[in-house]
């Protein structure tokens, strides 16, 4: 028989901080929370550098951190500064990154060694943040929306590294679904292939479309409460699955953008991107900026609202998960 003591040891080690994180610069409050298995929420930094203009980016980042604290959790914005991985940023660092803007290197898994070795400023993508949050021992990550399969991927093969990362890194990503500039049904198919648990948090299993609460597609499952989501994460860790989870949180209808106007803006922006041969990692920032311009700021307002809503839900999930792990 498998000894009980060994079974308990395996459970406790199912999700833990990795040795590679010893070289990270971690703020004292985040460090303390990790050591005490307290609730911590990872946050990406590309949304600051590339997702919004200054000063809205810094204002939103600070507001998101404040909302997470209100739920009883500790925020940990992740970035690469001065050749070091930073887990948790102070106000000066947030402001510096916000002003540095798109000059920061979008840092996914593949980019981390280069950005660190060359002392570049690195703003972490969803995939990059997952890698570093996993190493630091932070299981919950809040973002706006994940990357996915780009429209026309059948010829371009442009598929976000976020999807591969979700298939091999056991982080729970709380988001408003897939960015609606992408091919949502194909993205859901790839997530299924990667073995990623996809769950809507709401009254039904409707999968959101970032700026709007419905995409016309469904998640395989849904839960109504953040506490139920935390149990799914805990079960994932118990099984040592080493795969991620997507918790899709629909933007509240009162704060959603007009679906028809957004779709028209997306179509126009994508057409312009194709005409100007804007591809790869440059495409998403271009599209988000153009959609904001075309909608006269309506999409940016919705973007800020959905990130704040995700922070509220993600903070609650982290708080409940921490109690399960004590």
C-alpha atoms as a PDB file:
ATOM      1  CA  UNK A   1       0.000   0.000   0.000  1.00  0.00           C
ATOM      2  CA  UNK A   2       1.030   3.592  -0.631  1.00  0.00           C
ATOM      3  CA  UNK A   3       1.995   5.114   2.754  1.00  0.00           C
ATOM      4  CA  UNK A   4      -0.329   7.856   4.002  1.00  0.00           C
ATOM      5  CA  UNK A   5       2.615  10.080   4.862  1.00  0.00           C
ATOM      6  CA  UNK A   6       3.914   9.809   1.289  1.00  0.00           C
ATOM      7  CA  UNK A   7       0.482  10.585  -0.114  1.00  0.00           C
ATOM      8  CA  UNK A   8       0.259  13.752   1.980  1.00  0.00           C
ATOM      9  CA  UNK A   9       3.766  14.741   0.852  1.00  0.00           C
ATOM     10  CA  UNK A  10       2.824  14.306  -2.818  1.00  0.00           C
ATOM     11  CA  UNK A  11      -0.302  16.428  -2.339  1.00  0.00           C
ATOM     12  CA  UNK A  12       1.627  19.215  -0.680  1.00  0.00           C
ATOM     13  CA  UNK A  13       4.237  19.177  -3.434  1.00  0.00           C
ATOM     14  CA  UNK A  14       1.699  19.113  -6.263  1.00  0.00           C
ATOM     15  CA  UNK A  15       2.057  22.868  -6.817  1.00  0.00           C
ATOM     16  CA  UNK A  16       5.045  24.593  -5.313  1.00  0.00           C
ATOM     17  CA  UNK A  17       7.685  27.204  -5.949  1.00  0.00           C
ATOM     18  CA  UNK A  18      10.488  26.082  -8.266  1.00  0.00           C
ATOM     19  CA  UNK A  19      14.238  26.483  -7.536  1.00  0.00           C
ATOM     20  CA  UNK A  20      14.637  28.768 -10.580  1.00  0.00           C
ATOM     21  CA  UNK A  21      12.668  31.462  -8.748  1.00  0.00           C
ATOM     22  CA  UNK A  22      15.477  31.971  -6.237  1.00  0.00           C
ATOM     23  CA  UNK A  23      17.000  34.468  -8.657  1.00  0.00           C
ATOM     24  CA  UNK A  24      13.778  36.480  -8.986  1.00  0.00           C
ATOM     25  CA  UNK A  25      13.249  39.880  -7.391  1.00  0.00           C
ATOM     26  CA  UNK A  26      10.113  39.324  -5.330  1.00  0.00           C
ATOM     27  CA  UNK A  27       8.516  42.064  -3.239  1.00  0.00           C
ATOM     28  CA  UNK A  28       8.418  41.299   0.520  1.00  0.00           C
ATOM     29  CA  UNK A  29       4.612  41.083   0.724  1.00  0.00           C
ATOM     30  CA  UNK A  30       4.395  38.706  -2.228  1.00  0.00           C
ATOM     31  CA  UNK A  31       7.267  36.629  -0.840  1.00  0.00           C
ATOM     32  CA  UNK A  32       5.552  36.358   2.539  1.00  0.00           C
ATOM     33  CA  UNK A  33       2.222  35.402   1.002  1.00  0.00           C
ATOM     34  CA  UNK A  34       3.812  32.679  -1.143  1.00  0.00           C
ATOM     35  CA  UNK A  35       5.688  31.231   1.829  1.00  0.00           C
ATOM     36  CA  UNK A  36       2.511  31.175   3.925  1.00  0.00           C
ATOM     37  CA  UNK A  37       0.363  29.764   1.074  1.00  0.00           C
ATOM     38  CA  UNK A  38      -1.616  32.968   1.122  1.00  0.00           C
ATOM     39  CA  UNK A  39      -3.714  34.244  -1.802  1.00  0.00           C
ATOM     40  CA  UNK A  40      -1.610  35.822  -4.545  1.00  0.00           C
ATOM     41  CA  UNK A  41      -2.760  36.847  -8.036  1.00  0.00           C
ATOM     42  CA  UNK A  42      -0.280  37.142 -10.895  1.00  0.00           C
ATOM     43  CA  UNK A  43      -0.757  39.954 -13.412  1.00  0.00           C
ATOM     44  CA  UNK A  44       0.836  40.346 -16.833  1.00  0.00           C
ATOM     45  CA  UNK A  45       2.665  43.484 -17.938  1.00  0.00           C
ATOM     46  CA  UNK A  46       2.061  43.506 -21.707  1.00  0.00           C
ATOM     47  CA  UNK A  47      -1.390  44.914 -20.989  1.00  0.00           C
ATOM     48  CA  UNK A  48       0.445  47.906 -19.481  1.00  0.00           C
ATOM     49  CA  UNK A  49       3.056  48.360 -22.194  1.00  0.00           C
ATOM     50  CA  UNK A  50       1.089  47.383 -25.296  1.00  0.00           C
ATOM     51  CA  UNK A  51      -2.571  47.062 -24.319  1.00  0.00           C
ATOM     52  CA  UNK A  52      -3.433  50.646 -23.392  1.00  0.00           C
ATOM     53  CA  UNK A  53      -2.005  54.143 -23.803  1.00  0.00           C
ATOM     54  CA  UNK A  54      -0.367  56.091 -20.964  1.00  0.00           C
ATOM     55  CA  UNK A  55      -1.674  57.128 -18.432  1.00  0.00           C
ATOM     56  CA  UNK A  56      -4.739  54.859 -18.661  1.00  0.00           C
ATOM     57  CA  UNK A  57      -2.442  51.829 -18.575  1.00  0.00           C
ATOM     58  CA  UNK A  58      -0.883  52.745 -15.225  1.00  0.00           C
ATOM     59  CA  UNK A  59      -4.172  53.952 -13.767  1.00  0.00           C
ATOM     60  CA  UNK A  60      -5.822  50.669 -14.762  1.00  0.00           C
ATOM     61  CA  UNK A  61      -2.912  48.610 -13.399  1.00  0.00           C
ATOM     62  CA  UNK A  62      -3.146  50.342 -10.015  1.00  0.00           C
ATOM     63  CA  UNK A  63      -6.939  50.029  -9.951  1.00  0.00           C
ATOM     64  CA  UNK A  64      -6.693  46.309 -10.754  1.00  0.00           C
ATOM     65  CA  UNK A  65      -4.180  45.775  -7.956  1.00  0.00           C
ATOM     66  CA  UNK A  66      -6.466  47.654  -5.555  1.00  0.00           C
ATOM     67  CA  UNK A  67      -9.470  45.503  -6.534  1.00  0.00           C
ATOM     68  CA  UNK A  68      -7.456  42.334  -5.918  1.00  0.00           C
ATOM     69  CA  UNK A  69      -6.488  43.602  -2.456  1.00  0.00           C
ATOM     70  CA  UNK A  70     -10.160  44.288  -1.703  1.00  0.00           C
ATOM     71  CA  UNK A  71     -10.827  40.568  -2.245  1.00  0.00           C
ATOM     72  CA  UNK A  72      -8.197  39.678   0.368  1.00  0.00           C
ATOM     73  CA  UNK A  73      -5.440  38.711  -2.082  1.00  0.00           C
ATOM     74  CA  UNK A  74      -2.015  40.129  -2.929  1.00  0.00           C
ATOM     75  CA  UNK A  75      -1.386  41.350  -6.518  1.00  0.00           C
ATOM     76  CA  UNK A  76       1.895  40.423  -8.215  1.00  0.00           C
ATOM     77  CA  UNK A  77       2.497  42.204 -11.511  1.00  0.00           C
ATOM     78  CA  UNK A  78       5.268  40.396 -13.392  1.00  0.00           C
ATOM     79  CA  UNK A  79       7.876  41.981 -15.679  1.00  0.00           C
ATOM     80  CA  UNK A  80      11.574  41.827 -16.589  1.00  0.00           C
ATOM     81  CA  UNK A  81      13.564  44.899 -15.538  1.00  0.00           C
ATOM     82  CA  UNK A  82      17.352  45.402 -15.513  1.00  0.00           C
ATOM     83  CA  UNK A  83      17.985  41.785 -16.440  1.00  0.00           C
ATOM     84  CA  UNK A  84      15.932  40.428 -13.543  1.00  0.00           C
ATOM     85  CA  UNK A  85      12.511  38.836 -13.274  1.00  0.00           C
ATOM     86  CA  UNK A  86      10.350  40.961 -10.992  1.00  0.00           C
ATOM     87  CA  UNK A  87       7.401  39.404  -9.191  1.00  0.00           C
ATOM     88  CA  UNK A  88       5.444  42.373  -7.907  1.00  0.00           C
ATOM     89  CA  UNK A  89       6.073  45.979  -8.992  1.00  0.00           C
ATOM     90  CA  UNK A  90       6.033  49.138  -6.879  1.00  0.00           C
ATOM     91  CA  UNK A  91       4.386  52.348  -8.082  1.00  0.00           C
ATOM     92  CA  UNK A  92       7.608  53.731  -9.568  1.00  0.00           C
ATOM     93  CA  UNK A  93       8.193  50.551 -11.585  1.00  0.00           C
ATOM     94  CA  UNK A  94       4.600  50.526 -12.826  1.00  0.00           C
ATOM     95  CA  UNK A  95       4.900  54.140 -13.937  1.00  0.00           C
ATOM     96  CA  UNK A  96       8.251  53.470 -15.614  1.00  0.00           C
ATOM     97  CA  UNK A  97       6.822  50.544 -17.570  1.00  0.00           C
ATOM     98  CA  UNK A  98       3.707  52.504 -18.473  1.00  0.00           C
ATOM     99  CA  UNK A  99       5.755  55.361 -19.929  1.00  0.00           C
ATOM    100  CA  UNK A 100       8.200  52.974 -21.630  1.00  0.00           C
ATOM    101  CA  UNK A 101       5.182  51.565 -23.431  1.00  0.00           C
ATOM    102  CA  UNK A 102       5.541  49.657 -26.675  1.00  0.00           C
ATOM    103  CA  UNK A 103       9.350  50.023 -26.591  1.00  0.00           C
ATOM    104  CA  UNK A 104       9.277  47.193 -24.033  1.00  0.00           C
ATOM    105  CA  UNK A 105       9.976  43.770 -25.533  1.00  0.00           C
ATOM    106  CA  UNK A 106       6.853  41.595 -25.663  1.00  0.00           C
ATOM    107  CA  UNK A 107       8.143  38.637 -23.709  1.00  0.00           C
ATOM    108  CA  UNK A 108       6.726  35.169 -24.249  1.00  0.00           C
ATOM    109  CA  UNK A 109       8.374  31.889 -23.220  1.00  0.00           C
ATOM    110  CA  UNK A 110      10.773  31.936 -26.185  1.00  0.00           C
ATOM    111  CA  UNK A 111      11.900  35.497 -25.432  1.00  0.00           C
ATOM    112  CA  UNK A 112      12.726  35.167 -21.738  1.00  0.00           C
ATOM    113  CA  UNK A 113      16.375  34.005 -22.119  1.00  0.00           C
ATOM    114  CA  UNK A 114      17.167  36.760 -24.642  1.00  0.00           C
ATOM    115  CA  UNK A 115      15.486  39.549 -22.665  1.00  0.00           C
ATOM    116  CA  UNK A 116      17.229  38.487 -19.459  1.00  0.00           C
ATOM    117  CA  UNK A 117      20.653  37.983 -21.044  1.00  0.00           C
ATOM    118  CA  UNK A 118      20.544  41.340 -22.851  1.00  0.00           C
ATOM    119  CA  UNK A 119      19.145  43.328 -19.901  1.00  0.00           C
ATOM    120  CA  UNK A 120      16.127  44.447 -21.896  1.00  0.00           C
ATOM    121  CA  UNK A 121      12.842  45.739 -20.522  1.00  0.00           C
ATOM    122  CA  UNK A 122      10.453  42.854 -20.919  1.00  0.00           C
ATOM    123  CA  UNK A 123       6.669  43.061 -20.672  1.00  0.00           C
ATOM    124  CA  UNK A 124       5.355  39.565 -20.156  1.00  0.00           C
ATOM    125  CA  UNK A 125       2.610  38.115 -22.344  1.00  0.00           C
ATOM    126  CA  UNK A 126       0.084  35.587 -21.076  1.00  0.00           C
ATOM    127  CA  UNK A 127       2.493  32.735 -21.869  1.00  0.00           C
ATOM    128  CA  UNK A 128       5.510  34.525 -20.382  1.00  0.00           C
ATOM    129  CA  UNK A 129       3.587  35.411 -17.238  1.00  0.00           C
ATOM    130  CA  UNK A 130       2.426  31.815 -16.832  1.00  0.00           C
ATOM    131  CA  UNK A 131       6.007  30.518 -16.990  1.00  0.00           C
ATOM    132  CA  UNK A 132       7.214  32.948 -14.323  1.00  0.00           C
ATOM    133  CA  UNK A 133       4.131  32.689 -12.106  1.00  0.00           C
ATOM    134  CA  UNK A 134       4.523  28.902 -12.114  1.00  0.00           C
ATOM    135  CA  UNK A 135       8.172  29.197 -11.123  1.00  0.00           C
ATOM    136  CA  UNK A 136       7.291  31.610  -8.311  1.00  0.00           C
ATOM    137  CA  UNK A 137       4.535  29.330  -7.008  1.00  0.00           C
ATOM    138  CA  UNK A 138       1.560  31.561  -7.883  1.00  0.00           C
ATOM    139  CA  UNK A 139      -1.338  29.438  -9.222  1.00  0.00           C
ATOM    140  CA  UNK A 140      -3.868  32.147 -10.185  1.00  0.00           C
ATOM    141  CA  UNK A 141      -3.348  34.690 -12.957  1.00  0.00           C
ATOM    142  CA  UNK A 142      -5.708  37.473 -14.050  1.00  0.00           C
ATOM    143  CA  UNK A 143      -5.590  39.049 -17.503  1.00  0.00           C
ATOM    144  CA  UNK A 144      -7.922  40.689 -20.002  1.00  0.00           C
ATOM    145  CA  UNK A 145      -8.123  37.981 -22.633  1.00  0.00           C
ATOM    146  CA  UNK A 146      -5.894  35.172 -23.821  1.00  0.00           C
ATOM    147  CA  UNK A 147      -4.330  34.898 -27.259  1.00  0.00           C
ATOM    148  CA  UNK A 148      -5.488  32.255 -29.655  1.00  0.00           C
ATOM    149  CA  UNK A 149      -5.803  31.186 -33.262  1.00  0.00           C
ATOM    150  CA  UNK A 150      -5.614  34.195 -35.571  1.00  0.00           C
ATOM    151  CA  UNK A 151      -8.094  34.576 -38.388  1.00  0.00           C
ATOM    152  CA  UNK A 152      -6.613  33.068 -41.522  1.00  0.00           C
ATOM    153  CA  UNK A 153      -4.387  30.721 -39.502  1.00  0.00           C
ATOM    154  CA  UNK A 154      -5.115  27.924 -41.978  1.00  0.00           C
ATOM    155  CA  UNK A 155      -2.642  29.674 -44.298  1.00  0.00           C
ATOM    156  CA  UNK A 156      -0.530  31.800 -41.913  1.00  0.00           C
ATOM    157  CA  UNK A 157      -0.217  29.213 -39.088  1.00  0.00           C
ATOM    158  CA  UNK A 158      -0.386  32.179 -36.674  1.00  0.00           C
ATOM    159  CA  UNK A 159      -1.393  30.581 -33.379  1.00  0.00           C
ATOM    160  CA  UNK A 160      -0.580  32.204 -30.052  1.00  0.00           C
ATOM    161  CA  UNK A 161       1.967  30.551 -27.770  1.00  0.00           C
ATOM    162  CA  UNK A 162      -0.576  31.144 -24.987  1.00  0.00           C
ATOM    163  CA  UNK A 163      -2.451  28.028 -26.092  1.00  0.00           C
ATOM    164  CA  UNK A 164       0.609  25.776 -25.972  1.00  0.00           C
ATOM    165  CA  UNK A 165       1.559  27.216 -22.595  1.00  0.00           C
ATOM    166  CA  UNK A 166      -1.875  26.490 -21.231  1.00  0.00           C
ATOM    167  CA  UNK A 167      -1.388  22.872 -22.258  1.00  0.00           C
ATOM    168  CA  UNK A 168       1.794  22.441 -20.229  1.00  0.00           C
ATOM    169  CA  UNK A 169       1.750  24.902 -17.328  1.00  0.00           C
ATOM    170  CA  UNK A 170      -0.675  24.426 -14.405  1.00  0.00           C
ATOM    171  CA  UNK A 171      -1.803  28.024 -14.013  1.00  0.00           C
ATOM    172  CA  UNK A 172      -5.446  29.097 -13.735  1.00  0.00           C
ATOM    173  CA  UNK A 173      -6.001  32.007 -16.114  1.00  0.00           C
ATOM    174  CA  UNK A 174      -8.977  34.220 -15.282  1.00  0.00           C
ATOM    175  CA  UNK A 175      -9.973  36.201 -18.369  1.00  0.00           C
ATOM    176  CA  UNK A 176     -12.849  37.523 -20.456  1.00  0.00           C
ATOM    177  CA  UNK A 177     -12.342  34.728 -22.933  1.00  0.00           C
ATOM    178  CA  UNK A 178     -10.357  34.963 -26.146  1.00  0.00           C
ATOM    179  CA  UNK A 179      -9.659  38.359 -27.662  1.00  0.00           C
ATOM    180  CA  UNK A 180     -12.487  38.848 -30.160  1.00  0.00           C
ATOM    181  CA  UNK A 181     -10.052  39.804 -32.927  1.00  0.00           C
ATOM    182  CA  UNK A 182      -9.198  36.095 -33.089  1.00  0.00           C
ATOM    183  CA  UNK A 183     -10.904  32.966 -34.402  1.00  0.00           C
ATOM    184  CA  UNK A 184     -12.807  31.873 -31.300  1.00  0.00           C
ATOM    185  CA  UNK A 185     -14.109  28.437 -32.432  1.00  0.00           C
ATOM    186  CA  UNK A 186     -10.684  27.361 -33.701  1.00  0.00           C
ATOM    187  CA  UNK A 187      -9.120  28.590 -30.455  1.00  0.00           C
ATOM    188  CA  UNK A 188     -11.535  26.481 -28.414  1.00  0.00           C
ATOM    189  CA  UNK A 189     -10.671  23.466 -30.569  1.00  0.00           C
ATOM    190  CA  UNK A 190      -6.925  23.949 -29.943  1.00  0.00           C
ATOM    191  CA  UNK A 191      -7.542  24.333 -26.208  1.00  0.00           C
ATOM    192  CA  UNK A 192      -9.394  21.017 -26.269  1.00  0.00           C
ATOM    193  CA  UNK A 193      -6.503  19.371 -28.124  1.00  0.00           C
ATOM    194  CA  UNK A 194      -4.081  20.754 -25.539  1.00  0.00           C
ATOM    195  CA  UNK A 195      -6.153  19.256 -22.724  1.00  0.00           C
ATOM    196  CA  UNK A 196      -6.968  22.627 -21.183  1.00  0.00           C
ATOM    197  CA  UNK A 197      -9.930  22.853 -18.813  1.00  0.00           C
ATOM    198  CA  UNK A 198     -12.198  25.675 -20.012  1.00  0.00           C
ATOM    199  CA  UNK A 199     -14.940  26.852 -17.662  1.00  0.00           C
ATOM    200  CA  UNK A 200     -17.251  29.843 -17.801  1.00  0.00           C
ATOM    201  CA  UNK A 201     -17.980  31.584 -14.507  1.00  0.00           C
ATOM    202  CA  UNK A 202     -21.613  32.644 -14.766  1.00  0.00           C
ATOM    203  CA  UNK A 203     -25.196  31.446 -14.949  1.00  0.00           C
ATOM    204  CA  UNK A 204     -24.549  29.250 -18.012  1.00  0.00           C
ATOM    205  CA  UNK A 205     -21.718  27.961 -20.189  1.00  0.00           C
ATOM    206  CA  UNK A 206     -21.761  30.730 -22.814  1.00  0.00           C
ATOM    207  CA  UNK A 207     -18.190  31.600 -23.758  1.00  0.00           C
ATOM    208  CA  UNK A 208     -17.544  35.364 -23.757  1.00  0.00           C
ATOM    209  CA  UNK A 209     -16.017  37.364 -26.604  1.00  0.00           C
ATOM    210  CA  UNK A 210     -13.827  39.791 -24.656  1.00  0.00           C
ATOM    211  CA  UNK A 211     -15.649  43.105 -25.318  1.00  0.00           C
ATOM    212  CA  UNK A 212     -19.057  41.396 -25.213  1.00  0.00           C
ATOM    213  CA  UNK A 213     -20.495  38.715 -22.888  1.00  0.00           C
ATOM    214  CA  UNK A 214     -21.388  36.190 -25.616  1.00  0.00           C
ATOM    215  CA  UNK A 215     -19.447  34.788 -28.565  1.00  0.00           C
ATOM    216  CA  UNK A 216     -22.033  32.364 -29.894  1.00  0.00           C
ATOM    217  CA  UNK A 217     -19.939  29.452 -28.594  1.00  0.00           C
ATOM    218  CA  UNK A 218     -19.926  27.533 -25.323  1.00  0.00           C
ATOM    219  CA  UNK A 219     -17.444  26.321 -22.736  1.00  0.00           C
ATOM    220  CA  UNK A 220     -17.478  22.602 -21.866  1.00  0.00           C
ATOM    221  CA  UNK A 221     -18.507  23.510 -18.293  1.00  0.00           C
ATOM    222  CA  UNK A 222     -19.534  26.372 -16.057  1.00  0.00           C
ATOM    223  CA  UNK A 223     -19.651  27.289 -12.382  1.00  0.00           C
ATOM    224  CA  UNK A 224     -21.580  30.105 -10.789  1.00  0.00           C
ATOM    225  CA  UNK A 225     -19.231  31.039  -7.950  1.00  0.00           C
ATOM    226  CA  UNK A 226     -15.494  31.768  -7.594  1.00  0.00           C
ATOM    227  CA  UNK A 227     -15.380  29.267  -4.727  1.00  0.00           C
ATOM    228  CA  UNK A 228     -16.423  26.503  -7.151  1.00  0.00           C
ATOM    229  CA  UNK A 229     -13.668  27.554  -9.552  1.00  0.00           C
ATOM    230  CA  UNK A 230     -11.106  27.277  -6.752  1.00  0.00           C
ATOM    231  CA  UNK A 231     -12.142  23.656  -6.176  1.00  0.00           C
ATOM    232  CA  UNK A 232     -11.444  22.867  -9.833  1.00  0.00           C
ATOM    233  CA  UNK A 233      -7.958  24.380  -9.520  1.00  0.00           C
ATOM    234  CA  UNK A 234      -7.335  22.418  -6.341  1.00  0.00           C
ATOM    235  CA  UNK A 235      -8.400  19.185  -8.052  1.00  0.00           C
ATOM    236  CA  UNK A 236      -6.062  19.955 -10.962  1.00  0.00           C
ATOM    237  CA  UNK A 237      -3.173  20.325  -8.517  1.00  0.00           C
ATOM    238  CA  UNK A 238      -4.102  17.148  -6.667  1.00  0.00           C
ATOM    239  CA  UNK A 239      -3.892  15.227  -9.939  1.00  0.00           C
ATOM    240  CA  UNK A 240      -0.533  16.813 -10.853  1.00  0.00           C
ATOM    241  CA  UNK A 241      -1.946  17.375 -14.310  1.00  0.00           C
ATOM    242  CA  UNK A 242       0.669  19.960 -15.340  1.00  0.00           C
ATOM    243  CA  UNK A 243      -1.876  21.624 -17.605  1.00  0.00           C
ATOM    244  CA  UNK A 244      -3.540  24.991 -17.282  1.00  0.00           C
ATOM    245  CA  UNK A 245      -7.121  26.116 -16.875  1.00  0.00           C
ATOM    246  CA  UNK A 246      -9.106  28.933 -18.467  1.00  0.00           C
ATOM    247  CA  UNK A 247     -11.840  30.561 -16.406  1.00  0.00           C
ATOM    248  CA  UNK A 248     -13.874  32.728 -18.752  1.00  0.00           C
ATOM    249  CA  UNK A 249     -15.639  35.632 -17.060  1.00  0.00           C
ATOM    250  CA  UNK A 250     -18.188  37.473 -19.237  1.00  0.00           C
ATOM    251  CA  UNK A 251     -17.996  41.256 -19.099  1.00  0.00           C
ATOM    252  CA  UNK A 252     -21.136  42.619 -17.350  1.00  0.00           C
ATOM    253  CA  UNK A 253     -23.748  43.548 -19.954  1.00  0.00           C
ATOM    254  CA  UNK A 254     -23.984  47.075 -18.548  1.00  0.00           C
ATOM    255  CA  UNK A 255     -20.297  47.655 -19.396  1.00  0.00           C
ATOM    256  CA  UNK A 256     -20.062  45.698 -22.646  1.00  0.00           C
ATOM    257  CA  UNK A 257     -19.404  47.349 -25.983  1.00  0.00           C
ATOM    258  CA  UNK A 258     -21.981  47.321 -28.759  1.00  0.00           C
ATOM    259  CA  UNK A 259     -21.514  43.963 -30.472  1.00  0.00           C
ATOM    260  CA  UNK A 260     -22.298  45.184 -34.017  1.00  0.00           C
ATOM    261  CA  UNK A 261     -20.030  48.232 -33.747  1.00  0.00           C
ATOM    262  CA  UNK A 262     -17.203  46.135 -32.334  1.00  0.00           C
ATOM    263  CA  UNK A 263     -17.480  43.555 -35.113  1.00  0.00           C
ATOM    264  CA  UNK A 264     -17.402  46.248 -37.790  1.00  0.00           C
ATOM    265  CA  UNK A 265     -14.343  47.813 -36.139  1.00  0.00           C
ATOM    266  CA  UNK A 266     -12.616  44.439 -35.941  1.00  0.00           C
ATOM    267  CA  UNK A 267     -13.267  43.702 -39.613  1.00  0.00           C
ATOM    268  CA  UNK A 268     -11.912  47.117 -40.631  1.00  0.00           C
ATOM    269  CA  UNK A 269      -8.830  46.814 -38.415  1.00  0.00           C
ATOM    270  CA  UNK A 270      -8.011  43.313 -39.672  1.00  0.00           C
ATOM    271  CA  UNK A 271      -8.365  44.473 -43.283  1.00  0.00           C
ATOM    272  CA  UNK A 272      -5.948  47.344 -42.595  1.00  0.00           C
ATOM    273  CA  UNK A 273      -3.486  44.999 -40.913  1.00  0.00           C
ATOM    274  CA  UNK A 274      -3.511  42.714 -43.958  1.00  0.00           C
ATOM    275  CA  UNK A 275      -3.052  45.648 -46.345  1.00  0.00           C
ATOM    276  CA  UNK A 276      -0.068  46.904 -44.356  1.00  0.00           C
ATOM    277  CA  UNK A 277       1.427  43.410 -43.873  1.00  0.00           C
ATOM    278  CA  UNK A 278       1.272  43.694 -40.083  1.00  0.00           C
ATOM    279  CA  UNK A 279       1.793  40.165 -38.779  1.00  0.00           C
ATOM    280  CA  UNK A 280       3.005  38.139 -35.808  1.00  0.00           C
ATOM    281  CA  UNK A 281       3.423  39.734 -32.408  1.00  0.00           C
ATOM    282  CA  UNK A 282       2.836  43.207 -33.879  1.00  0.00           C
ATOM    283  CA  UNK A 283      -0.672  42.368 -35.048  1.00  0.00           C
ATOM    284  CA  UNK A 284      -2.564  42.244 -31.753  1.00  0.00           C
ATOM    285  CA  UNK A 285      -1.340  45.640 -30.424  1.00  0.00           C
ATOM    286  CA  UNK A 286      -2.111  47.213 -33.806  1.00  0.00           C
ATOM    287  CA  UNK A 287      -5.614  45.759 -33.904  1.00  0.00           C
ATOM    288  CA  UNK A 288      -6.472  46.769 -30.335  1.00  0.00           C
ATOM    289  CA  UNK A 289      -5.278  50.317 -30.977  1.00  0.00           C
ATOM    290  CA  UNK A 290      -7.173  50.657 -34.258  1.00  0.00           C
ATOM    291  CA  UNK A 291     -10.363  49.218 -32.777  1.00  0.00           C
ATOM    292  CA  UNK A 292     -10.149  51.776 -29.964  1.00  0.00           C
ATOM    293  CA  UNK A 293      -9.713  54.550 -32.542  1.00  0.00           C
ATOM    294  CA  UNK A 294     -12.542  53.349 -34.772  1.00  0.00           C
ATOM    295  CA  UNK A 295     -14.953  52.944 -31.835  1.00  0.00           C
ATOM    296  CA  UNK A 296     -13.871  56.331 -30.429  1.00  0.00           C
ATOM    297  CA  UNK A 297     -12.714  54.787 -27.178  1.00  0.00           C
ATOM    298  CA  UNK A 298     -15.687  52.490 -26.575  1.00  0.00           C
ATOM    299  CA  UNK A 299     -13.552  49.353 -26.875  1.00  0.00           C
ATOM    300  CA  UNK A 300     -10.911  50.765 -24.502  1.00  0.00           C
ATOM    301  CA  UNK A 301     -13.600  51.574 -21.936  1.00  0.00           C
ATOM    302  CA  UNK A 302     -14.904  48.005 -22.192  1.00  0.00           C
ATOM    303  CA  UNK A 303     -11.357  46.640 -21.995  1.00  0.00           C
ATOM    304  CA  UNK A 304     -10.712  48.478 -18.734  1.00  0.00           C
ATOM    305  CA  UNK A 305     -14.063  47.363 -17.313  1.00  0.00           C
ATOM    306  CA  UNK A 306     -13.530  43.694 -18.127  1.00  0.00           C
ATOM    307  CA  UNK A 307     -10.018  43.651 -16.640  1.00  0.00           C
ATOM    308  CA  UNK A 308     -11.354  45.128 -13.397  1.00  0.00           C
ATOM    309  CA  UNK A 309     -14.176  42.581 -13.338  1.00  0.00           C
ATOM    310  CA  UNK A 310     -11.701  39.749 -13.910  1.00  0.00           C
ATOM    311  CA  UNK A 311      -9.557  41.090 -11.053  1.00  0.00           C
ATOM    312  CA  UNK A 312     -12.522  40.965  -8.686  1.00  0.00           C
ATOM    313  CA  UNK A 313     -13.334  37.370  -9.618  1.00  0.00           C
ATOM    314  CA  UNK A 314      -9.684  36.278  -9.707  1.00  0.00           C
ATOM    315  CA  UNK A 315      -8.981  37.764  -6.305  1.00  0.00           C
ATOM    316  CA  UNK A 316     -11.901  35.827  -4.852  1.00  0.00           C
ATOM    317  CA  UNK A 317     -10.734  32.604  -6.499  1.00  0.00           C
ATOM    318  CA  UNK A 318      -7.231  33.039  -5.041  1.00  0.00           C
ATOM    319  CA  UNK A 319      -8.661  33.707  -1.570  1.00  0.00           C
ATOM    320  CA  UNK A 320     -10.804  30.563  -1.655  1.00  0.00           C
ATOM    321  CA  UNK A 321      -7.953  28.445  -3.086  1.00  0.00           C
ATOM    322  CA  UNK A 322      -5.637  29.590  -0.302  1.00  0.00           C
ATOM    323  CA  UNK A 323      -8.113  28.302   2.295  1.00  0.00           C
ATOM    324  CA  UNK A 324      -8.282  24.921   0.555  1.00  0.00           C
ATOM    325  CA  UNK A 325      -4.475  24.644   0.650  1.00  0.00           C
ATOM    326  CA  UNK A 326      -4.023  25.478   4.315  1.00  0.00           C
END
